Amino acid sequence: MTIFSKRKCSLDTYKMEADYGVDPLWCSKCGYNLDIDDFPLSDELKSELMN
């Protein structure tokens, strides 16, 4: 089960924002921090976003 099935928000719009200790992807509607591993991104892109 992914985070998308646990939340009431549709989590269909995103923003990228740096923060220490958490993944850089956020729901732009409710502000929930999203797990980068729930997205179909290459390992290289995930690494670049985390840096």
Protein backbone atom coordinates (compact mmCIF):
# COMPACT_ATOMS: atom_id res chain seq x y z
CA MET A 1 0.00 0.00 0.00
CA THR A 2 1.44 3.37 -1.00
CA ILE A 3 0.91 6.72 0.67
CA PHE A 4 -1.54 7.62 -2.11
CA SER A 5 -4.10 5.10 -0.86
CA LYS A 6 -3.72 6.19 2.79
CA ARG A 7 -4.44 9.92 2.41
CA LYS A 8 -7.72 11.72 1.81
CA CYS A 9 -5.97 14.36 -0.32
CA SER A 10 -5.67 13.33 -3.97
CA LEU A 11 -1.92 14.13 -3.95
CA ASP A 12 -2.05 14.97 -7.64
CA THR A 13 0.00 18.17 -7.66
CA TYR A 14 3.53 18.35 -6.31
CA LYS A 15 6.22 20.79 -5.35
CA MET A 16 9.90 20.28 -4.76
CA GLU A 17 11.29 21.94 -1.67
CA ALA A 18 14.51 21.36 0.23
CA ASP A 19 14.28 20.33 3.88
CA TYR A 20 16.78 18.57 6.12
CA GLY A 21 16.02 14.97 6.98
CA VAL A 22 13.04 14.41 4.66
CA ASP A 23 12.42 13.76 0.98
CA PRO A 24 12.20 16.86 -1.27
CA LEU A 25 8.73 16.15 -2.70
CA TRP A 26 5.57 17.62 -1.18
CA CYS A 27 1.87 17.72 -1.99
CA SER A 28 1.16 21.28 -3.09
CA LYS A 29 -2.44 21.04 -1.81
CA CYS A 30 -2.11 19.66 1.75
CA GLY A 31 1.65 20.11 2.34
CA TYR A 32 2.26 16.41 3.11
CA ASN A 33 5.86 15.22 2.63
CA LEU A 34 5.91 12.44 0.00
CA ASP A 35 8.21 9.43 -0.11
CA ILE A 36 10.45 9.74 -3.16
CA ASP A 37 10.42 5.94 -3.54
CA ASP A 38 6.68 6.08 -4.33
CA PHE A 39 7.51 7.82 -7.63
CA PRO A 40 8.73 6.07 -10.79
CA LEU A 41 12.03 7.95 -10.96
CA SER A 42 15.45 6.64 -11.91
CA ASP A 43 17.94 6.06 -9.10
CA GLU A 44 20.13 8.78 -10.62
CA LEU A 45 17.32 11.36 -10.53
CA LYS A 46 16.37 10.37 -6.96
CA SER A 47 19.98 10.86 -5.90
CA GLU A 48 20.16 14.27 -7.58
CA LEU A 49 16.92 15.42 -5.95
CA MET A 50 18.08 14.25 -2.51
CA ASN A 51 21.35 16.17 -2.91
